Amino acid sequence: MMMSAFRSGPDGPSVTDLKRDLENNLHILRAIAETREGLEIRLVDYLAPYTLYAYDPGRENGSMELRLGSFHGQHEKRPTFLLQRDRDPNWFDYFSAQFLSVWEGADPAEI
């Protein structure tokens, strides 16, 4: 949380704000998990240098968006890359493996 607040800059959210937002988001996810089979939540105390969004990663037409982290930058202005399994198989596999490594090292959230 401290690193995230530091990266956000002086006008960004405080550690207290970030912790509150995390708890609120976990509360929402836990409520969803109670009604939907197969949703898993894991927590890791690690601030990755990028944000990864994966869409159908197990399918041939899977894709990912990677948004690089920045220092005191605006979220919407961070460099963003689109990977497609059929177009970028090596990078797609690399970032899939990175995600799985973090997932395996993360703690299952108490639901």
PDB file of N, CA and C in Angstrom:
ATOM      1  N   MET A   1       0.813  -1.184   0.000  1.00  0.00           N
ATOM      2  CA  MET A   1       0.000   0.000   0.000  1.00  0.00           C
ATOM      3  C   MET A   1       0.865   1.260   0.000  1.00  0.00           C
ATOM      4  N   MET A   2       1.953   1.193   0.764  1.00  0.00           N
ATOM      5  CA  MET A   2       2.821   2.367   0.831  1.00  0.00           C
ATOM      6  C   MET A   2       3.441   2.663  -0.538  1.00  0.00           C
ATOM      7  N   MET A   3       3.865   1.625  -1.251  1.00  0.00           N
ATOM      8  CA  MET A   3       4.474   1.828  -2.558  1.00  0.00           C
ATOM      9  C   MET A   3       3.443   2.343  -3.561  1.00  0.00           C
ATOM     10  N   SER A   4       2.242   1.827  -3.489  1.00  0.00           N
ATOM     11  CA  SER A   4       1.185   2.279  -4.392  1.00  0.00           C
ATOM     12  C   SER A   4       0.865   3.751  -4.155  1.00  0.00           C
ATOM     13  N   ALA A   5       0.756   4.144  -2.900  1.00  0.00           N
ATOM     14  CA  ALA A   5       0.493   5.546  -2.582  1.00  0.00           C
ATOM     15  C   ALA A   5       1.667   6.419  -3.027  1.00  0.00           C
ATOM     16  N   PHE A   6       2.891   5.946  -2.833  1.00  0.00           N
ATOM     17  CA  PHE A   6       4.074   6.693  -3.249  1.00  0.00           C
ATOM     18  C   PHE A   6       4.088   6.892  -4.761  1.00  0.00           C
ATOM     19  N   ARG A   7       3.807   5.827  -5.499  1.00  0.00           N
ATOM     20  CA  ARG A   7       3.777   5.923  -6.964  1.00  0.00           C
ATOM     21  C   ARG A   7       2.696   6.881  -7.449  1.00  0.00           C
ATOM     22  N   SER A   8       1.596   6.971  -6.705  1.00  0.00           N
ATOM     23  CA  SER A   8       0.478   7.817  -7.124  1.00  0.00           C
ATOM     24  C   SER A   8       0.795   9.294  -7.025  1.00  0.00           C
ATOM     25  N   GLY A   9       1.732   9.648  -6.172  1.00  0.00           N
ATOM     26  CA  GLY A   9       2.129  11.048  -6.055  1.00  0.00           C
ATOM     27  C   GLY A   9       1.377  11.783  -4.966  1.00  0.00           C
ATOM     28  N   PRO A  10       1.744  13.038  -4.771  1.00  0.00           N
ATOM     29  CA  PRO A  10       1.171  13.808  -3.661  1.00  0.00           C
ATOM     30  C   PRO A  10      -0.329  14.068  -3.798  1.00  0.00           C
ATOM     31  N   ASP A  11      -0.840  14.049  -5.002  1.00  0.00           N
ATOM     32  CA  ASP A  11      -2.274  14.274  -5.210  1.00  0.00           C
ATOM     33  C   ASP A  11      -3.066  12.976  -5.275  1.00  0.00           C
ATOM     34  N   GLY A  12      -2.376  11.849  -5.146  1.00  0.00           N
ATOM     35  CA  GLY A  12      -3.035  10.547  -5.233  1.00  0.00           C
ATOM     36  C   GLY A  12      -3.625  10.133  -3.912  1.00  0.00           C
ATOM     37  N   PRO A  13      -4.179   8.943  -3.870  1.00  0.00           N
ATOM     38  CA  PRO A  13      -4.809   8.445  -2.642  1.00  0.00           C
ATOM     39  C   PRO A  13      -3.772   8.154  -1.554  1.00  0.00           C
ATOM     40  N   SER A  14      -4.199   8.282  -0.318  1.00  0.00           N
ATOM     41  CA  SER A  14      -3.340   7.963   0.825  1.00  0.00           C
ATOM     42  C   SER A  14      -3.366   6.464   1.071  1.00  0.00           C
ATOM     43  N   VAL A  15      -2.464   6.001   1.915  1.00  0.00           N
ATOM     44  CA  VAL A  15      -2.453   4.580   2.300  1.00  0.00           C
ATOM     45  C   VAL A  15      -3.797   4.218   2.934  1.00  0.00           C
ATOM     46  N   THR A  16      -4.325   5.088   3.756  1.00  0.00           N
ATOM     47  CA  THR A  16      -5.626   4.841   4.387  1.00  0.00           C
ATOM     48  C   THR A  16      -6.720   4.706   3.340  1.00  0.00           C
ATOM     49  N   ASP A  17      -6.715   5.600   2.348  1.00  0.00           N
ATOM     50  CA  ASP A  17      -7.707   5.525   1.271  1.00  0.00           C
ATOM     51  C   ASP A  17      -7.575   4.217   0.501  1.00  0.00           C
ATOM     52  N   LEU A  18      -6.344   3.827   0.192  1.00  0.00           N
ATOM     53  CA  LEU A  18      -6.124   2.597  -0.565  1.00  0.00           C
ATOM     54  C   LEU A  18      -6.577   1.371   0.218  1.00  0.00           C
ATOM     55  N   LYS A  19      -6.297   1.345   1.515  1.00  0.00           N
ATOM     56  CA  LYS A  19      -6.729   0.218   2.345  1.00  0.00           C
ATOM     57  C   LYS A  19      -8.251   0.152   2.409  1.00  0.00           C
ATOM     58  N   ARG A  20      -8.897   1.290   2.558  1.00  0.00           N
ATOM     59  CA  ARG A  20     -10.361   1.328   2.581  1.00  0.00           C
ATOM     60  C   ARG A  20     -10.928   0.828   1.260  1.00  0.00           C
ATOM     61  N   ASP A  21     -10.366   1.297   0.141  1.00  0.00           N
ATOM     62  CA  ASP A  21     -10.839   0.862  -1.171  1.00  0.00           C
ATOM     63  C   ASP A  21     -10.631  -0.637  -1.367  1.00  0.00           C
ATOM     64  N   LEU A  22      -9.494  -1.153  -0.906  1.00  0.00           N
ATOM     65  CA  LEU A  22      -9.241  -2.588  -1.024  1.00  0.00           C
ATOM     66  C   LEU A  22     -10.277  -3.378  -0.240  1.00  0.00           C
ATOM     67  N   GLU A  23     -10.536  -2.975   0.980  1.00  0.00           N
ATOM     68  CA  GLU A  23     -11.535  -3.691   1.791  1.00  0.00           C
ATOM     69  C   GLU A  23     -12.915  -3.619   1.155  1.00  0.00           C
ATOM     70  N   ASN A  24     -13.285  -2.464   0.621  1.00  0.00           N
ATOM     71  CA  ASN A  24     -14.584  -2.345  -0.053  1.00  0.00           C
ATOM     72  C   ASN A  24     -14.650  -3.263  -1.270  1.00  0.00           C
ATOM     73  N   ASN A  25     -13.589  -3.286  -2.064  1.00  0.00           N
ATOM     74  CA  ASN A  25     -13.574  -4.140  -3.258  1.00  0.00           C
ATOM     75  C   ASN A  25     -13.603  -5.620  -2.891  1.00  0.00           C
ATOM     76  N   LEU A  26     -12.870  -6.003  -1.846  1.00  0.00           N
ATOM     77  CA  LEU A  26     -12.900  -7.397  -1.394  1.00  0.00           C
ATOM     78  C   LEU A  26     -14.288  -7.777  -0.891  1.00  0.00           C
ATOM     79  N   HIS A  27     -14.948  -6.852  -0.216  1.00  0.00           N
ATOM     80  CA  HIS A  27     -16.315  -7.103   0.249  1.00  0.00           C
ATOM     81  C   HIS A  27     -17.241  -7.395  -0.940  1.00  0.00           C
ATOM     82  N   ILE A  28     -17.121  -6.604  -1.998  1.00  0.00           N
ATOM     83  CA  ILE A  28     -17.933  -6.810  -3.206  1.00  0.00           C
ATOM     84  C   ILE A  28     -17.602  -8.158  -3.840  1.00  0.00           C
ATOM     85  N   LEU A  29     -16.308  -8.459  -3.980  1.00  0.00           N
ATOM     86  CA  LEU A  29     -15.909  -9.734  -4.595  1.00  0.00           C
ATOM     87  C   LEU A  29     -16.368 -10.930  -3.774  1.00  0.00           C
ATOM     88  N   ARG A  30     -16.292 -10.810  -2.458  1.00  0.00           N
ATOM     89  CA  ARG A  30     -16.752 -11.913  -1.598  1.00  0.00           C
ATOM     90  C   ARG A  30     -18.250 -12.148  -1.789  1.00  0.00           C
ATOM     91  N   ALA A  31     -19.016 -11.081  -1.900  1.00  0.00           N
ATOM     92  CA  ALA A  31     -20.460 -11.217  -2.116  1.00  0.00           C
ATOM     93  C   ALA A  31     -20.734 -11.900  -3.454  1.00  0.00           C
ATOM     94  N   ILE A  32     -19.988 -11.549  -4.468  1.00  0.00           N
ATOM     95  CA  ILE A  32     -20.146 -12.185  -5.777  1.00  0.00           C
ATOM     96  C   ILE A  32     -19.740 -13.655  -5.694  1.00  0.00           C
ATOM     97  N   ALA A  33     -18.633 -13.944  -5.012  1.00  0.00           N
ATOM     98  CA  ALA A  33     -18.134 -15.318  -4.906  1.00  0.00           C
ATOM     99  C   ALA A  33     -19.135 -16.231  -4.204  1.00  0.00           C
ATOM    100  N   GLU A  34     -19.895 -15.683  -3.285  1.00  0.00           N
ATOM    101  CA  GLU A  34     -20.892 -16.494  -2.578  1.00  0.00           C
ATOM    102  C   GLU A  34     -22.022 -16.941  -3.501  1.00  0.00           C
ATOM    103  N   THR A  35     -22.252 -16.223  -4.566  1.00  0.00           N
ATOM    104  CA  THR A  35     -23.356 -16.545  -5.468  1.00  0.00           C
ATOM    105  C   THR A  35     -22.895 -17.161  -6.781  1.00  0.00           C
ATOM    106  N   ARG A  36     -21.599 -17.169  -7.033  1.00  0.00           N
ATOM    107  CA  ARG A  36     -21.102 -17.694  -8.303  1.00  0.00           C
ATOM    108  C   ARG A  36     -20.038 -18.748  -8.056  1.00  0.00           C
ATOM    109  N   GLU A  37     -20.294 -19.918  -8.543  1.00  0.00           N
ATOM    110  CA  GLU A  37     -19.341 -21.007  -8.413  1.00  0.00           C
ATOM    111  C   GLU A  37     -18.138 -20.742  -9.320  1.00  0.00           C
ATOM    112  N   GLY A  38     -16.950 -21.006  -8.817  1.00  0.00           N
ATOM    113  CA  GLY A  38     -15.746 -20.913  -9.627  1.00  0.00           C
ATOM    114  C   GLY A  38     -14.965 -19.627  -9.481  1.00  0.00           C
ATOM    115  N   LEU A  39     -15.511 -18.626  -8.807  1.00  0.00           N
ATOM    116  CA  LEU A  39     -14.754 -17.384  -8.610  1.00  0.00           C
ATOM    117  C   LEU A  39     -13.788 -17.587  -7.452  1.00  0.00           C
ATOM    118  N   GLU A  40     -12.516 -17.382  -7.726  1.00  0.00           N
ATOM    119  CA  GLU A  40     -11.489 -17.497  -6.697  1.00  0.00           C
ATOM    120  C   GLU A  40     -10.827 -16.150  -6.508  1.00  0.00           C
ATOM    121  N   ILE A  41     -10.487 -15.847  -5.276  1.00  0.00           N
ATOM    122  CA  ILE A  41      -9.817 -14.592  -4.940  1.00  0.00           C
ATOM    123  C   ILE A  41      -8.555 -14.945  -4.169  1.00  0.00           C
ATOM    124  N   ARG A  42      -7.455 -14.371  -4.587  1.00  0.00           N
ATOM    125  CA  ARG A  42      -6.198 -14.552  -3.853  1.00  0.00           C
ATOM    126  C   ARG A  42      -5.561 -13.191  -3.642  1.00  0.00           C
ATOM    127  N   LEU A  43      -4.815 -13.087  -2.550  1.00  0.00           N
ATOM    128  CA  LEU A  43      -4.173 -11.827  -2.186  1.00  0.00           C
ATOM    129  C   LEU A  43      -2.662 -11.999  -2.154  1.00  0.00           C
ATOM    130  N   VAL A  44      -1.981 -10.982  -2.636  1.00  0.00           N
ATOM    131  CA  VAL A  44      -0.533 -10.991  -2.613  1.00  0.00           C
ATOM    132  C   VAL A  44      -0.052  -9.579  -2.272  1.00  0.00           C
ATOM    133  N   ASP A  45       0.940  -9.496  -1.420  1.00  0.00           N
ATOM    134  CA  ASP A  45       1.502  -8.207  -1.032  1.00  0.00           C
ATOM    135  C   ASP A  45       2.634  -7.866  -2.003  1.00  0.00           C
ATOM    136  N   TYR A  46       2.247  -7.464  -3.196  1.00  0.00           N
ATOM    137  CA  TYR A  46       3.212  -7.221  -4.270  1.00  0.00           C
ATOM    138  C   TYR A  46       2.605  -6.206  -5.225  1.00  0.00           C
ATOM    139  N   LEU A  47       3.357  -5.185  -5.545  1.00  0.00           N
ATOM    140  CA  LEU A  47       2.895  -4.188  -6.506  1.00  0.00           C
ATOM    141  C   LEU A  47       3.622  -4.446  -7.818  1.00  0.00           C
ATOM    142  N   ALA A  48       2.914  -5.052  -8.739  1.00  0.00           N
ATOM    143  CA  ALA A  48       3.513  -5.411 -10.032  1.00  0.00           C
ATOM    144  C   ALA A  48       3.838  -4.160 -10.841  1.00  0.00           C
ATOM    145  N   PRO A  49       4.803  -4.267 -11.761  1.00  0.00           N
ATOM    146  CA  PRO A  49       5.150  -3.111 -12.592  1.00  0.00           C
ATOM    147  C   PRO A  49       4.142  -2.865 -13.708  1.00  0.00           C
ATOM    148  N   TYR A  50       3.110  -3.687 -13.755  1.00  0.00           N
ATOM    149  CA  TYR A  50       2.070  -3.535 -14.775  1.00  0.00           C
ATOM    150  C   TYR A  50       0.761  -4.107 -14.232  1.00  0.00           C
ATOM    151  N   THR A  51      -0.314  -3.718 -14.875  1.00  0.00           N
ATOM    152  CA  THR A  51      -1.622  -4.300 -14.603  1.00  0.00           C
ATOM    153  C   THR A  51      -1.961  -5.181 -15.786  1.00  0.00           C
ATOM    154  N   LEU A  52      -2.453  -6.362 -15.519  1.00  0.00           N
ATOM    155  CA  LEU A  52      -2.756  -7.315 -16.585  1.00  0.00           C
ATOM    156  C   LEU A  52      -4.242  -7.647 -16.556  1.00  0.00           C
ATOM    157  N   TYR A  53      -4.869  -7.497 -17.706  1.00  0.00           N
ATOM    158  CA  TYR A  53      -6.255  -7.917 -17.898  1.00  0.00           C
ATOM    159  C   TYR A  53      -6.241  -9.021 -18.942  1.00  0.00           C
ATOM    160  N   ALA A  54      -6.743 -10.202 -18.609  1.00  0.00           N
ATOM    161  CA  ALA A  54      -6.758 -11.321 -19.546  1.00  0.00           C
ATOM    162  C   ALA A  54      -8.196 -11.654 -19.914  1.00  0.00           C
ATOM    163  N   TYR A  55      -8.409 -11.875 -21.193  1.00  0.00           N
ATOM    164  CA  TYR A  55      -9.728 -12.210 -21.718  1.00  0.00           C
ATOM    165  C   TYR A  55      -9.628 -13.551 -22.435  1.00  0.00           C
ATOM    166  N   ASP A  56     -10.310 -14.552 -21.910  1.00  0.00           N
ATOM    167  CA  ASP A  56     -10.289 -15.899 -22.476  1.00  0.00           C
ATOM    168  C   ASP A  56      -8.855 -16.384 -22.725  1.00  0.00           C
ATOM    169  N   PRO A  57      -7.985 -16.343 -21.710  1.00  0.00           N
ATOM    170  CA  PRO A  57      -6.575 -16.686 -21.934  1.00  0.00           C
ATOM    171  C   PRO A  57      -6.343 -18.136 -22.344  1.00  0.00           C
ATOM    172  N   GLY A  58      -7.275 -19.018 -22.049  1.00  0.00           N
ATOM    173  CA  GLY A  58      -7.110 -20.414 -22.427  1.00  0.00           C
ATOM    174  C   GLY A  58      -7.583 -20.745 -23.829  1.00  0.00           C
ATOM    175  N   ARG A  59      -8.139 -19.781 -24.506  1.00  0.00           N
ATOM    176  CA  ARG A  59      -8.657 -20.024 -25.852  1.00  0.00           C
ATOM    177  C   ARG A  59      -7.679 -19.523 -26.907  1.00  0.00           C
ATOM    178  N   GLU A  60      -7.828 -20.050 -28.115  1.00  0.00           N
ATOM    179  CA  GLU A  60      -6.950 -19.642 -29.216  1.00  0.00           C
ATOM    180  C   GLU A  60      -7.072 -18.162 -29.529  1.00  0.00           C
ATOM    181  N   ASN A  61      -8.241 -17.584 -29.294  1.00  0.00           N
ATOM    182  CA  ASN A  61      -8.438 -16.161 -29.577  1.00  0.00           C
ATOM    183  C   ASN A  61      -8.286 -15.308 -28.317  1.00  0.00           C
ATOM    184  N   GLY A  62      -7.623 -15.833 -27.291  1.00  0.00           N
ATOM    185  CA  GLY A  62      -7.419 -15.091 -26.054  1.00  0.00           C
ATOM    186  C   GLY A  62      -6.618 -13.820 -26.274  1.00  0.00           C
ATOM    187  N   SER A  63      -6.829 -12.857 -25.376  1.00  0.00           N
ATOM    188  CA  SER A  63      -6.079 -11.606 -25.467  1.00  0.00           C
ATOM    189  C   SER A  63      -5.774 -11.096 -24.063  1.00  0.00           C
ATOM    190  N   MET A  64      -4.818 -10.172 -24.009  1.00  0.00           N
ATOM    191  CA  MET A  64      -4.428  -9.541 -22.750  1.00  0.00           C
ATOM    192  C   MET A  64      -4.135  -8.075 -23.012  1.00  0.00           C
ATOM    193  N   GLU A  65      -4.450  -7.253 -22.025  1.00  0.00           N
ATOM    194  CA  GLU A  65      -4.010  -5.863 -22.015  1.00  0.00           C
ATOM    195  C   GLU A  65      -3.019  -5.731 -20.875  1.00  0.00           C
ATOM    196  N   LEU A  66      -1.891  -5.108 -21.158  1.00  0.00           N
ATOM    197  CA  LEU A  66      -0.894  -4.847 -20.131  1.00  0.00           C
ATOM    198  C   LEU A  66      -0.712  -3.338 -20.046  1.00  0.00           C
ATOM    199  N   ARG A  67      -0.936  -2.809 -18.853  1.00  0.00           N
ATOM    200  CA  ARG A  67      -0.788  -1.373 -18.638  1.00  0.00           C
ATOM    201  C   ARG A  67       0.390  -1.171 -17.697  1.00  0.00           C
ATOM    202  N   LEU A  68       1.424  -0.513 -18.195  1.00  0.00           N
ATOM    203  CA  LEU A  68       2.639  -0.320 -17.410  1.00  0.00           C
ATOM    204  C   LEU A  68       2.408   0.603 -16.229  1.00  0.00           C
ATOM    205  N   GLY A  69       3.135   0.331 -15.145  1.00  0.00           N
ATOM    206  CA  GLY A  69       3.084   1.204 -13.988  1.00  0.00           C
ATOM    207  C   GLY A  69       3.826   2.495 -14.285  1.00  0.00           C
ATOM    208  N   SER A  70       3.550   3.519 -13.519  1.00  0.00           N
ATOM    209  CA  SER A  70       4.239   4.795 -13.718  1.00  0.00           C
ATOM    210  C   SER A  70       4.471   5.453 -12.369  1.00  0.00           C
ATOM    211  N   PHE A  71       5.279   6.474 -12.393  1.00  0.00           N
ATOM    212  CA  PHE A  71       5.576   7.224 -11.177  1.00  0.00           C
ATOM    213  C   PHE A  71       4.879   8.576 -11.282  1.00  0.00           C
ATOM    214  N   HIS A  72       3.940   8.812 -10.396  1.00  0.00           N
ATOM    215  CA  HIS A  72       3.157  10.037 -10.353  1.00  0.00           C
ATOM    216  C   HIS A  72       2.419  10.297 -11.659  1.00  0.00           C
ATOM    217  N   GLY A  73       2.068   9.239 -12.370  1.00  0.00           N
ATOM    218  CA  GLY A  73       1.363   9.399 -13.637  1.00  0.00           C
ATOM    219  C   GLY A  73      -0.117   9.121 -13.504  1.00  0.00           C
ATOM    220  N   GLN A  74      -0.854   9.614 -14.458  1.00  0.00           N
ATOM    221  CA  GLN A  74      -2.293   9.368 -14.486  1.00  0.00           C
ATOM    222  C   GLN A  74      -2.557   7.977 -15.060  1.00  0.00           C
ATOM    223  N   HIS A  75      -3.475   7.265 -14.452  1.00  0.00           N
ATOM    224  CA  HIS A  75      -3.758   5.888 -14.849  1.00  0.00           C
ATOM    225  C   HIS A  75      -4.096   5.796 -16.334  1.00  0.00           C
ATOM    226  N   GLU A  76      -4.940   6.680 -16.803  1.00  0.00           N
ATOM    227  CA  GLU A  76      -5.400   6.597 -18.190  1.00  0.00           C
ATOM    228  C   GLU A  76      -4.314   6.959 -19.211  1.00  0.00           C
ATOM    229  N   LYS A  77      -3.207   7.511 -18.762  1.00  0.00           N
ATOM    230  CA  LYS A  77      -2.119   7.870 -19.681  1.00  0.00           C
ATOM    231  C   LYS A  77      -0.958   6.878 -19.646  1.00  0.00           C
ATOM    232  N   ARG A  78      -1.098   5.807 -18.870  1.00  0.00           N
ATOM    233  CA  ARG A  78      -0.035   4.811 -18.808  1.00  0.00           C
ATOM    234  C   ARG A  78       0.028   4.036 -20.120  1.00  0.00           C
ATOM    235  N   PRO A  79       1.233   3.720 -20.600  1.00  0.00           N
ATOM    236  CA  PRO A  79       1.343   2.933 -21.831  1.00  0.00           C
ATOM    237  C   PRO A  79       0.635   1.592 -21.682  1.00  0.00           C
ATOM    238  N   THR A  80      -0.137   1.236 -22.692  1.00  0.00           N
ATOM    239  CA  THR A  80      -0.929   0.012 -22.677  1.00  0.00           C
ATOM    240  C   THR A  80      -0.656  -0.783 -23.947  1.00  0.00           C
ATOM    241  N   PHE A  81      -0.464  -2.080 -23.776  1.00  0.00           N
ATOM    242  CA  PHE A  81      -0.164  -2.969 -24.891  1.00  0.00           C
ATOM    243  C   PHE A  81      -1.222  -4.061 -24.958  1.00  0.00           C
ATOM    244  N   LEU A  82      -1.612  -4.417 -26.167  1.00  0.00           N
ATOM    245  CA  LEU A  82      -2.558  -5.501 -26.385  1.00  0.00           C
ATOM    246  C   LEU A  82      -1.807  -6.697 -26.946  1.00  0.00           C
ATOM    247  N   LEU A  83      -1.933  -7.827 -26.264  1.00  0.00           N
ATOM    248  CA  LEU A  83      -1.353  -9.083 -26.748  1.00  0.00           C
ATOM    249  C   LEU A  83      -2.477 -10.005 -27.166  1.00  0.00           C
ATOM    250  N   GLN A  84      -2.275 -10.683 -28.274  1.00  0.00           N
ATOM    251  CA  GLN A  84      -3.235 -11.669 -28.740  1.00  0.00           C
ATOM    252  C   GLN A  84      -2.507 -12.996 -28.895  1.00  0.00           C
ATOM    253  N   ARG A  85      -3.125 -14.057 -28.365  1.00  0.00           N
ATOM    254  CA  ARG A  85      -2.481 -15.369 -28.392  1.00  0.00           C
ATOM    255  C   ARG A  85      -2.064 -15.766 -29.804  1.00  0.00           C
ATOM    256  N   ASP A  86      -2.937 -15.564 -30.777  1.00  0.00           N
ATOM    257  CA  ASP A  86      -2.624 -15.999 -32.144  1.00  0.00           C
ATOM    258  C   ASP A  86      -1.599 -15.112 -32.833  1.00  0.00           C
ATOM    259  N   ARG A  87      -1.433 -13.877 -32.399  1.00  0.00           N
ATOM    260  CA  ARG A  87      -0.484 -12.952 -33.013  1.00  0.00           C
ATOM    261  C   ARG A  87       0.847 -12.873 -32.255  1.00  0.00           C
ATOM    262  N   ASP A  88       0.774 -12.983 -30.920  1.00  0.00           N
ATOM    263  CA  ASP A  88       1.938 -12.794 -30.041  1.00  0.00           C
ATOM    264  C   ASP A  88       2.112 -13.987 -29.108  1.00  0.00           C
ATOM    265  N   PRO A  89       2.255 -15.192 -29.641  1.00  0.00           N
ATOM    266  CA  PRO A  89       2.221 -16.375 -28.768  1.00  0.00           C
ATOM    267  C   PRO A  89       3.317 -16.396 -27.703  1.00  0.00           C
ATOM    268  N   ASN A  90       4.512 -15.954 -28.023  1.00  0.00           N
ATOM    269  CA  ASN A  90       5.602 -16.007 -27.038  1.00  0.00           C
ATOM    270  C   ASN A  90       5.355 -15.055 -25.869  1.00  0.00           C
ATOM    271  N   TRP A  91       4.991 -13.804 -26.171  1.00  0.00           N
ATOM    272  CA  TRP A  91       4.725 -12.843 -25.105  1.00  0.00           C
ATOM    273  C   TRP A  91       3.465 -13.215 -24.343  1.00  0.00           C
ATOM    274  N   PHE A  92       2.472 -13.723 -25.042  1.00  0.00           N
ATOM    275  CA  PHE A  92       1.235 -14.159 -24.395  1.00  0.00           C
ATOM    276  C   PHE A  92       1.538 -15.259 -23.380  1.00  0.00           C
ATOM    277  N   ASP A  93       2.326 -16.237 -23.783  1.00  0.00           N
ATOM    278  CA  ASP A  93       2.692 -17.329 -22.880  1.00  0.00           C
ATOM    279  C   ASP A  93       3.548 -16.825 -21.718  1.00  0.00           C
ATOM    280  N   TYR A  94       4.440 -15.882 -22.009  1.00  0.00           N
ATOM    281  CA  TYR A  94       5.298 -15.330 -20.955  1.00  0.00           C
ATOM    282  C   TYR A  94       4.452 -14.671 -19.857  1.00  0.00           C
ATOM    283  N   PHE A  95       3.541 -13.793 -20.255  1.00  0.00           N
ATOM    284  CA  PHE A  95       2.745 -13.090 -19.258  1.00  0.00           C
ATOM    285  C   PHE A  95       1.713 -14.004 -18.601  1.00  0.00           C
ATOM    286  N   SER A  96       1.248 -15.012 -19.300  1.00  0.00           N
ATOM    287  CA  SER A  96       0.384 -16.016 -18.663  1.00  0.00           C
ATOM    288  C   SER A  96       1.146 -16.735 -17.557  1.00  0.00           C
ATOM    289  N   ALA A  97       2.381 -17.110 -17.844  1.00  0.00           N
ATOM    290  CA  ALA A  97       3.214 -17.786 -16.847  1.00  0.00           C
ATOM    291  C   ALA A  97       3.508 -16.862 -15.668  1.00  0.00           C
ATOM    292  N   GLN A  98       3.738 -15.569 -15.931  1.00  0.00           N
ATOM    293  CA  GLN A  98       3.973 -14.613 -14.854  1.00  0.00           C
ATOM    294  C   GLN A  98       2.755 -14.522 -13.941  1.00  0.00           C
ATOM    295  N   PHE A  99       1.578 -14.431 -14.547  1.00  0.00           N
ATOM    296  CA  PHE A  99       0.356 -14.375 -13.752  1.00  0.00           C
ATOM    297  C   PHE A  99       0.216 -15.620 -12.884  1.00  0.00           C
ATOM    298  N   LEU A 100       0.427 -16.785 -13.489  1.00  0.00           N
ATOM    299  CA  LEU A 100       0.271 -18.039 -12.741  1.00  0.00           C
ATOM    300  C   LEU A 100       1.290 -18.151 -11.607  1.00  0.00           C
ATOM    301  N   SER A 101       2.500 -17.645 -11.817  1.00  0.00           N
ATOM    302  CA  SER A 101       3.511 -17.662 -10.754  1.00  0.00           C
ATOM    303  C   SER A 101       3.051 -16.839  -9.557  1.00  0.00           C
ATOM    304  N   VAL A 102       2.524 -15.665  -9.824  1.00  0.00           N
ATOM    305  CA  VAL A 102       2.030 -14.818  -8.741  1.00  0.00           C
ATOM    306  C   VAL A 102       0.812 -15.474  -8.087  1.00  0.00           C
ATOM    307  N   TRP A 103      -0.086 -16.012  -8.900  1.00  0.00           N
ATOM    308  CA  TRP A 103      -1.296 -16.670  -8.388  1.00  0.00           C
ATOM    309  C   TRP A 103      -0.926 -17.811  -7.440  1.00  0.00           C
ATOM    310  N   GLU A 104       0.036 -18.629  -7.837  1.00  0.00           N
ATOM    311  CA  GLU A 104       0.457 -19.764  -7.008  1.00  0.00           C
ATOM    312  C   GLU A 104       1.095 -19.299  -5.703  1.00  0.00           C
ATOM    313  N   GLY A 105       1.756 -18.143  -5.719  1.00  0.00           N
ATOM    314  CA  GLY A 105       2.395 -17.639  -4.520  1.00  0.00           C
ATOM    315  C   GLY A 105       1.482 -16.828  -3.632  1.00  0.00           C
ATOM    316  N   ALA A 106       0.284 -16.544  -4.100  1.00  0.00           N
ATOM    317  CA  ALA A 106      -0.663 -15.713  -3.356  1.00  0.00           C
ATOM    318  C   ALA A 106      -1.433 -16.543  -2.333  1.00  0.00           C
ATOM    319  N   ASP A 107      -1.993 -15.843  -1.354  1.00  0.00           N
ATOM    320  CA  ASP A 107      -2.795 -16.485  -0.318  1.00  0.00           C
ATOM    321  C   ASP A 107      -4.257 -16.474  -0.733  1.00  0.00           C
ATOM    322  N   PRO A 108      -4.929 -17.623  -0.624  1.00  0.00           N
ATOM    323  CA  PRO A 108      -6.379 -17.614  -0.892  1.00  0.00           C
ATOM    324  C   PRO A 108      -7.077 -16.672   0.094  1.00  0.00           C
ATOM    325  N   ALA A 109      -7.940 -15.830  -0.421  1.00  0.00           N
ATOM    326  CA  ALA A 109      -8.671 -14.889   0.429  1.00  0.00           C
ATOM    327  C   ALA A 109      -9.726 -15.643   1.214  1.00  0.00           C
ATOM    328  N   GLU A 110      -9.905 -15.248   2.443  1.00  0.00           N
ATOM    329  CA  GLU A 110     -10.976 -15.825   3.262  1.00  0.00           C
ATOM    330  C   GLU A 110     -12.296 -15.283   2.746  1.00  0.00           C
ATOM    331  N   ILE A 111     -13.186 -16.178   2.381  1.00  0.00           N
ATOM    332  CA  ILE A 111     -14.477 -15.747   1.823  1.00  0.00           C
ATOM    333  C   ILE A 111     -15.544 -15.885   2.884  1.00  0.00           C
TER     334      ILE A 111
END
